[in-house]
PDB file of N, CA and C in Angstrom:
ATOM      1  N   MET A   1     -11.854  13.884  -5.902  1.00  0.00           N
ATOM      2  CA  MET A   1     -10.651  13.493  -5.358  1.00  0.00           C
ATOM      3  C   MET A   1      -9.573  12.955  -5.952  1.00  0.00           C
ATOM      4  N   VAL A   2      -8.589  12.730  -6.476  1.00  0.00           N
ATOM      5  CA  VAL A   2      -7.281  11.976  -6.766  1.00  0.00           C
ATOM      6  C   VAL A   2      -6.245  12.114  -5.519  1.00  0.00           C
ATOM      7  N   LEU A   3      -6.393  10.547  -5.809  1.00  0.00           N
ATOM      8  CA  LEU A   3      -4.801  10.575  -4.203  1.00  0.00           C
ATOM      9  C   LEU A   3      -3.353  10.105  -5.265  1.00  0.00           C
ATOM     10  N   LYS A   4      -2.625  10.518  -4.760  1.00  0.00           N
ATOM     11  CA  LYS A   4      -1.569   9.997  -6.090  1.00  0.00           C
ATOM     12  C   LYS A   4      -0.962   8.709  -4.262  1.00  0.00           C
ATOM     13  N   ARG A   5       0.193   8.044  -4.659  1.00  0.00           N
ATOM     14  CA  ARG A   5       0.859   7.442  -4.114  1.00  0.00           C
ATOM     15  C   ARG A   5       2.034   7.884  -4.892  1.00  0.00           C
ATOM     16  N   ALA A   6       3.291   7.865  -3.632  1.00  0.00           N
ATOM     17  CA  ALA A   6       4.729   8.272  -4.242  1.00  0.00           C
ATOM     18  C   ALA A   6       4.962   7.947  -4.225  1.00  0.00           C
ATOM     19  N   ILE A   7       5.891   7.614  -5.604  1.00  0.00           N
ATOM     20  CA  ILE A   7       6.770   6.468  -6.129  1.00  0.00           C
ATOM     21  C   ILE A   7       8.148   6.521  -5.546  1.00  0.00           C
ATOM     22  N   HIS A   8       8.029   4.768  -4.934  1.00  0.00           N
ATOM     23  CA  HIS A   8       9.310   4.831  -4.597  1.00  0.00           C
ATOM     24  C   HIS A   8      10.489   4.494  -4.961  1.00  0.00           C
ATOM     25  N   PRO A   9      11.506   4.483  -5.515  1.00  0.00           N
ATOM     26  CA  PRO A   9      12.594   3.977  -5.708  1.00  0.00           C
ATOM     27  C   PRO A   9      13.549   2.513  -5.854  1.00  0.00           C
ATOM     28  N   MET A  10      13.767   1.979  -6.856  1.00  0.00           N
ATOM     29  CA  MET A  10      14.027   0.212  -6.342  1.00  0.00           C
ATOM     30  C   MET A  10      15.668   0.701  -5.260  1.00  0.00           C
ATOM     31  N   PRO A  11      15.510   0.157  -4.230  1.00  0.00           N
ATOM     32  CA  PRO A  11      16.902   0.258  -3.758  1.00  0.00           C
ATOM     33  C   PRO A  11      17.507  -1.416  -3.753  1.00  0.00           C
ATOM     34  N   GLU A  12      18.936  -0.981  -4.088  1.00  0.00           N
ATOM     35  CA  GLU A  12      20.146  -1.790  -4.577  1.00  0.00           C
ATOM     36  C   GLU A  12      19.648  -2.829  -4.014  1.00  0.00           C
ATOM     37  N   PHE A  13      19.112  -3.457  -2.457  1.00  0.00           N
ATOM     38  CA  PHE A  13      19.495  -4.698  -1.670  1.00  0.00           C
ATOM     39  C   PHE A  13      18.422  -4.866  -1.883  1.00  0.00           C
ATOM     40  N   VAL A  14      17.244  -4.716  -2.158  1.00  0.00           N
ATOM     41  CA  VAL A  14      16.011  -5.561  -2.811  1.00  0.00           C
ATOM     42  C   VAL A  14      16.009  -5.673  -4.289  1.00  0.00           C
ATOM     43  N   TRP A  15      16.234  -5.349  -5.413  1.00  0.00           N
ATOM     44  CA  TRP A  15      17.229  -5.663  -6.865  1.00  0.00           C
ATOM     45  C   TRP A  15      17.736  -6.601  -6.476  1.00  0.00           C
ATOM     46  N   GLN A  16      18.569  -6.921  -5.414  1.00  0.00           N
ATOM     47  CA  GLN A  16      19.874  -8.358  -5.491  1.00  0.00           C
ATOM     48  C   GLN A  16      19.078  -8.937  -5.142  1.00  0.00           C
ATOM     49  N   ALA A  17      18.195  -9.364  -4.014  1.00  0.00           N
ATOM     50  CA  ALA A  17      17.469 -10.240  -3.704  1.00  0.00           C
ATOM     51  C   ALA A  17      16.626 -10.499  -4.340  1.00  0.00           C
ATOM     52  N   LEU A  18      15.745  -9.848  -5.239  1.00  0.00           N
ATOM     53  CA  LEU A  18      15.289 -10.683  -6.124  1.00  0.00           C
ATOM     54  C   LEU A  18      16.066 -11.506  -7.335  1.00  0.00           C
ATOM     55  N   VAL A  19      16.907 -10.573  -8.047  1.00  0.00           N
ATOM     56  CA  VAL A  19      18.474 -11.491  -8.617  1.00  0.00           C
ATOM     57  C   VAL A  19      18.310 -12.571  -8.055  1.00  0.00           C
ATOM     58  N   GLU A  20      18.939 -12.221  -6.813  1.00  0.00           N
ATOM     59  CA  GLU A  20      19.479 -13.682  -6.504  1.00  0.00           C
ATOM     60  C   GLU A  20      18.316 -15.017  -5.846  1.00  0.00           C
ATOM     61  N   ALA A  21      17.177 -14.782  -5.763  1.00  0.00           N
ATOM     62  CA  ALA A  21      15.870 -15.692  -6.037  1.00  0.00           C
ATOM     63  C   ALA A  21      15.309 -15.836  -7.065  1.00  0.00           C
ATOM     64  N   ASN A  22      15.760 -15.622  -8.220  1.00  0.00           N
ATOM     65  CA  ASN A  22      14.970 -15.697  -9.473  1.00  0.00           C
ATOM     66  C   ASN A  22      14.141 -14.683  -9.295  1.00  0.00           C
ATOM     67  N   LEU A  23      13.497 -14.293  -8.979  1.00  0.00           N
ATOM     68  CA  LEU A  23      11.810 -14.244  -9.130  1.00  0.00           C
ATOM     69  C   LEU A  23      11.962 -11.906  -9.548  1.00  0.00           C
ATOM     70  N   VAL A  24      12.451 -12.181 -10.615  1.00  0.00           N
ATOM     71  CA  VAL A  24      12.819 -10.284 -11.432  1.00  0.00           C
ATOM     72  C   VAL A  24      11.215 -10.365 -12.333  1.00  0.00           C
ATOM     73  N   ASP A  25      11.463 -11.677 -13.095  1.00  0.00           N
ATOM     74  CA  ASP A  25       9.862 -12.094 -13.567  1.00  0.00           C
ATOM     75  C   ASP A  25       8.354 -11.884 -13.088  1.00  0.00           C
ATOM     76  N   LYS A  26       8.850 -12.272 -11.667  1.00  0.00           N
ATOM     77  CA  LYS A  26       7.259 -12.472 -11.097  1.00  0.00           C
ATOM     78  C   LYS A  26       7.457 -11.323 -10.781  1.00  0.00           C
ATOM     79  N   TYR A  27       7.858 -10.604 -10.327  1.00  0.00           N
ATOM     80  CA  TYR A  27       7.911  -8.739  -9.754  1.00  0.00           C
ATOM     81  C   TYR A  27       7.567  -7.966 -10.718  1.00  0.00           C
ATOM     82  N   ARG A  28       8.071  -8.572 -11.937  1.00  0.00           N
ATOM     83  CA  ARG A  28       7.604  -7.752 -12.749  1.00  0.00           C
ATOM     84  C   ARG A  28       5.970  -7.920 -13.227  1.00  0.00           C
ATOM     85  N   ARG A  29       5.506  -8.511 -13.597  1.00  0.00           N
ATOM     86  CA  ARG A  29       5.030  -9.094 -13.631  1.00  0.00           C
ATOM     87  C   ARG A  29       3.232  -8.882 -12.488  1.00  0.00           C
ATOM     88  N   ARG A  30       3.557  -8.626 -11.390  1.00  0.00           N
ATOM     89  CA  ARG A  30       2.717  -7.342 -10.636  1.00  0.00           C
ATOM     90  C   ARG A  30       2.410  -6.843 -11.182  1.00  0.00           C
ATOM     91  N   PRO A  31       1.640  -5.598 -10.909  1.00  0.00           N
ATOM     92  CA  PRO A  31       1.080  -4.366 -11.704  1.00  0.00           C
ATOM     93  C   PRO A  31       1.825  -3.363 -10.854  1.00  0.00           C
ATOM     94  N   PRO A  32       1.538  -2.242 -11.394  1.00  0.00           N
ATOM     95  CA  PRO A  32       3.067  -1.164 -10.819  1.00  0.00           C
ATOM     96  C   PRO A  32       3.086  -0.920  -8.869  1.00  0.00           C
ATOM     97  N   TYR A  33       0.849  -0.766  -9.033  1.00  0.00           N
ATOM     98  CA  TYR A  33       1.248  -0.414  -7.781  1.00  0.00           C
ATOM     99  C   TYR A  33       1.505  -0.510  -6.687  1.00  0.00           C
ATOM    100  N   GLN A  34       1.417  -2.520  -6.975  1.00  0.00           N
ATOM    101  CA  GLN A  34       2.092  -3.565  -5.805  1.00  0.00           C
ATOM    102  C   GLN A  34       3.328  -3.646  -5.942  1.00  0.00           C
ATOM    103  N   GLN A  35       4.249  -3.351  -6.880  1.00  0.00           N
ATOM    104  CA  GLN A  35       5.017  -3.160  -6.707  1.00  0.00           C
ATOM    105  C   GLN A  35       6.283  -2.205  -5.940  1.00  0.00           C
ATOM    106  N   ASN A  36       4.885  -0.859  -6.426  1.00  0.00           N
ATOM    107  CA  ASN A  36       5.459  -0.003  -5.259  1.00  0.00           C
ATOM    108  C   ASN A  36       5.365   0.229  -3.863  1.00  0.00           C
ATOM    109  N   ASP A  37       4.140  -0.503  -3.648  1.00  0.00           N
ATOM    110  CA  ASP A  37       3.489  -1.272  -2.139  1.00  0.00           C
ATOM    111  C   ASP A  37       4.671  -1.314  -2.093  1.00  0.00           C
ATOM    112  N   TYR A  38       5.418  -2.910  -1.941  1.00  0.00           N
ATOM    113  CA  TYR A  38       5.908  -3.876  -1.641  1.00  0.00           C
ATOM    114  C   TYR A  38       6.981  -2.911  -1.601  1.00  0.00           C
ATOM    115  N   ILE A  39       7.753  -1.874  -2.214  1.00  0.00           N
ATOM    116  CA  ILE A  39       8.508  -0.977  -1.530  1.00  0.00           C
ATOM    117  C   ILE A  39       8.988   0.089  -1.022  1.00  0.00           C
ATOM    118  N   GLY A  40       7.919   0.652  -1.118  1.00  0.00           N
ATOM    119  CA  GLY A  40       7.359   1.237   0.383  1.00  0.00           C
ATOM    120  C   GLY A  40       7.030   0.501   1.537  1.00  0.00           C
ATOM    121  N   TRP A  41       6.978  -0.355   1.061  1.00  0.00           N
ATOM    122  CA  TRP A  41       6.574  -1.051   2.615  1.00  0.00           C
ATOM    123  C   TRP A  41       7.741  -1.753   3.079  1.00  0.00           C
ATOM    124  N   ILE A  42       8.731  -1.852   2.849  1.00  0.00           N
ATOM    125  CA  ILE A  42      10.087  -2.232   3.309  1.00  0.00           C
ATOM    126  C   ILE A  42      10.805  -1.095   3.411  1.00  0.00           C
ATOM    127  N   VAL A  43      11.047  -0.270   2.670  1.00  0.00           N
ATOM    128  CA  VAL A  43      12.307   1.253   2.963  1.00  0.00           C
ATOM    129  C   VAL A  43      11.417   1.508   4.388  1.00  0.00           C
ATOM    130  N   ARG A  44      10.690   1.457   4.615  1.00  0.00           N
ATOM    131  CA  ARG A  44       9.856   2.409   5.424  1.00  0.00           C
ATOM    132  C   ARG A  44      10.153   1.006   7.219  1.00  0.00           C
ATOM    133  N   GLY A  45      10.039   0.880   7.096  1.00  0.00           N
ATOM    134  CA  GLY A  45      10.249  -0.318   8.347  1.00  0.00           C
ATOM    135  C   GLY A  45      11.865   0.565   9.138  1.00  0.00           C
ATOM    136  N   ASN A  46      12.235   0.916  10.002  1.00  0.00           N
ATOM    137  CA  ASN A  46      12.672   1.555  11.168  1.00  0.00           C
ATOM    138  C   ASN A  46      13.992   0.817  11.250  1.00  0.00           C
ATOM    139  N   ARG A  47      13.983  -1.046  11.334  1.00  0.00           N
ATOM    140  CA  ARG A  47      15.009  -1.501  12.109  1.00  0.00           C
ATOM    141  C   ARG A  47      15.507  -2.106  11.145  1.00  0.00           C
ATOM    142  N   GLU A  48      16.276  -2.524  10.634  1.00  0.00           N
ATOM    143  CA  GLU A  48      17.088  -3.298   9.389  1.00  0.00           C
ATOM    144  C   GLU A  48      16.445  -4.860   9.603  1.00  0.00           C
ATOM    145  N   GLU A  49      16.251  -5.046  11.056  1.00  0.00           N
ATOM    146  CA  GLU A  49      15.712  -6.643  10.911  1.00  0.00           C
ATOM    147  C   GLU A  49      14.326  -6.317  10.256  1.00  0.00           C
ATOM    148  N   THR A  50      13.112  -5.543  11.296  1.00  0.00           N
ATOM    149  CA  THR A  50      12.560  -4.813   9.975  1.00  0.00           C
ATOM    150  C   THR A  50      12.276  -5.009   8.452  1.00  0.00           C
ATOM    151  N   ARG A  51      13.470  -4.603   8.118  1.00  0.00           N
ATOM    152  CA  ARG A  51      13.432  -4.563   6.663  1.00  0.00           C
ATOM    153  C   ARG A  51      13.411  -5.500   5.580  1.00  0.00           C
ATOM    154  N   GLN A  52      14.247  -6.538   6.017  1.00  0.00           N
ATOM    155  CA  GLN A  52      15.023  -7.783   6.163  1.00  0.00           C
ATOM    156  C   GLN A  52      13.859  -8.559   6.015  1.00  0.00           C
ATOM    157  N   LYS A  53      13.111  -8.769   7.204  1.00  0.00           N
ATOM    158  CA  LYS A  53      11.305  -9.077   7.448  1.00  0.00           C
ATOM    159  C   LYS A  53      10.231  -8.948   6.284  1.00  0.00           C
ATOM    160  N   ARG A  54      10.107  -8.013   6.295  1.00  0.00           N
ATOM    161  CA  ARG A  54       9.074  -7.380   5.116  1.00  0.00           C
ATOM    162  C   ARG A  54       9.793  -7.880   4.016  1.00  0.00           C
ATOM    163  N   LEU A  55      11.485  -7.926   3.518  1.00  0.00           N
ATOM    164  CA  LEU A  55      11.920  -8.436   2.303  1.00  0.00           C
ATOM    165  C   LEU A  55      11.429  -9.395   2.227  1.00  0.00           C
ATOM    166  N   GLN A  56      12.087 -11.071   3.119  1.00  0.00           N
ATOM    167  CA  GLN A  56      11.784 -12.578   3.334  1.00  0.00           C
ATOM    168  C   GLN A  56      10.036 -12.364   2.709  1.00  0.00           C
ATOM    169  N   GLN A  57       8.845 -11.264   3.429  1.00  0.00           N
ATOM    170  CA  GLN A  57       8.225 -11.919   2.858  1.00  0.00           C
ATOM    171  C   GLN A  57       7.766 -11.653   1.904  1.00  0.00           C
ATOM    172  N   MET A  58       7.811 -10.620   0.717  1.00  0.00           N
ATOM    173  CA  MET A  58       7.792 -10.342  -0.434  1.00  0.00           C
ATOM    174  C   MET A  58       8.728 -11.191  -1.233  1.00  0.00           C
ATOM    175  N   LEU A  59       9.970 -11.566  -1.082  1.00  0.00           N
ATOM    176  CA  LEU A  59       9.871 -12.929  -1.864  1.00  0.00           C
ATOM    177  C   LEU A  59       9.304 -14.592  -1.441  1.00  0.00           C
ATOM    178  N   CYS A  60       8.959 -14.362  -0.862  1.00  0.00           N
ATOM    179  CA  CYS A  60       7.951 -15.803  -0.360  1.00  0.00           C
ATOM    180  C   CYS A  60       6.576 -15.620  -1.216  1.00  0.00           C
ATOM    181  N   GLU A  61       6.233 -13.956  -0.749  1.00  0.00           N
ATOM    182  CA  GLU A  61       5.169 -13.873  -1.829  1.00  0.00           C
ATOM    183  C   GLU A  61       4.868 -14.114  -3.291  1.00  0.00           C
ATOM    184  N   LEU A  62       6.163 -13.427  -3.890  1.00  0.00           N
ATOM    185  CA  LEU A  62       6.143 -13.541  -5.070  1.00  0.00           C
ATOM    186  C   LEU A  62       6.273 -14.722  -5.802  1.00  0.00           C
ATOM    187  N   ALA A  63       7.196 -15.720  -4.900  1.00  0.00           N
ATOM    188  CA  ALA A  63       7.463 -17.283  -4.844  1.00  0.00           C
ATOM    189  C   ALA A  63       6.129 -17.798  -5.492  1.00  0.00           C
ATOM    190  N   ALA A  64       5.348 -17.475  -4.410  1.00  0.00           N
ATOM    191  CA  ALA A  64       4.307 -18.845  -4.628  1.00  0.00           C
ATOM    192  C   ALA A  64       2.798 -17.825  -5.206  1.00  0.00           C
ATOM    193  N   GLY A  65       2.809 -16.806  -5.577  1.00  0.00           N
ATOM    194  CA  GLY A  65       1.967 -16.446  -6.495  1.00  0.00           C
ATOM    195  C   GLY A  65       0.602 -15.814  -5.686  1.00  0.00           C
ATOM    196  N   GLU A  66       0.529 -16.640  -4.516  1.00  0.00           N
ATOM    197  CA  GLU A  66      -0.862 -16.398  -4.225  1.00  0.00           C
ATOM    198  C   GLU A  66      -1.006 -15.568  -3.505  1.00  0.00           C
ATOM    199  N   LYS A  67      -0.485 -14.688  -2.719  1.00  0.00           N
ATOM    200  CA  LYS A  67      -1.038 -12.952  -2.331  1.00  0.00           C
ATOM    201  C   LYS A  67       0.471 -12.610  -2.349  1.00  0.00           C
ATOM    202  N   TYR A  68      -0.671 -10.895  -1.843  1.00  0.00           N
ATOM    203  CA  TYR A  68       0.054  -9.332  -1.608  1.00  0.00           C
ATOM    204  C   TYR A  68       0.306  -9.166  -0.429  1.00  0.00           C
ATOM    205  N   MET A  69       0.718  -8.314   0.095  1.00  0.00           N
ATOM    206  CA  MET A  69       0.736  -8.054   1.429  1.00  0.00           C
ATOM    207  C   MET A  69       0.119  -8.479   2.141  1.00  0.00           C
ATOM    208  N   SER A  70       0.516  -9.683   2.303  1.00  0.00           N
ATOM    209  CA  SER A  70      -0.570 -10.941   3.340  1.00  0.00           C
ATOM    210  C   SER A  70      -2.793 -11.285   2.551  1.00  0.00           C
ATOM    211  N   MET A  71      -2.938 -10.681   1.648  1.00  0.00           N
ATOM    212  CA  MET A  71      -3.859 -10.451   0.832  1.00  0.00           C
ATOM    213  C   MET A  71      -3.636 -11.390   0.048  1.00  0.00           C
ATOM    214  N   GLU A  72      -4.514 -12.182   0.225  1.00  0.00           N
ATOM    215  CA  GLU A  72      -4.840 -13.387  -1.031  1.00  0.00           C
ATOM    216  C   GLU A  72      -4.419 -11.955  -2.622  1.00  0.00           C
ATOM    217  N   TYR A  73      -4.542 -12.571  -3.424  1.00  0.00           N
ATOM    218  CA  TYR A  73      -3.820 -12.825  -5.019  1.00  0.00           C
ATOM    219  C   TYR A  73      -3.930 -13.112  -5.583  1.00  0.00           C
ATOM    220  N   HIS A  74      -4.458 -13.098  -7.475  1.00  0.00           N
ATOM    221  CA  HIS A  74      -4.893 -13.730  -7.969  1.00  0.00           C
ATOM    222  C   HIS A  74      -4.589 -12.897  -9.487  1.00  0.00           C
ATOM    223  N   ALA A  75      -3.391 -13.389 -10.245  1.00  0.00           N
ATOM    224  CA  ALA A  75      -3.153 -12.736 -11.531  1.00  0.00           C
ATOM    225  C   ALA A  75      -4.214 -13.219 -12.795  1.00  0.00           C
ATOM    226  N   ARG A  76      -3.997 -11.604 -12.865  1.00  0.00           N
ATOM    227  CA  ARG A  76      -5.438 -12.167 -14.025  1.00  0.00           C
ATOM    228  C   ARG A  76      -4.807 -12.527 -15.878  1.00  0.00           C
TER     229      ARG A  76
END
């Protein structure tokens, strides 16, 4: 059985936050599944404050480079 994830388009507010935080390159260096998971997780937030909290978590994790959705991450 092959499971496929839905592909989530990049929302403008997420892209803008990456640009403003100078994290576009760090985002693009993450594997495609991580990029997609972050976007899906952020946009599934029902309330704006939830989406913003998740966005901030993603930005912090990208900046530090050691986490992926609160899990340990080590780039190859």
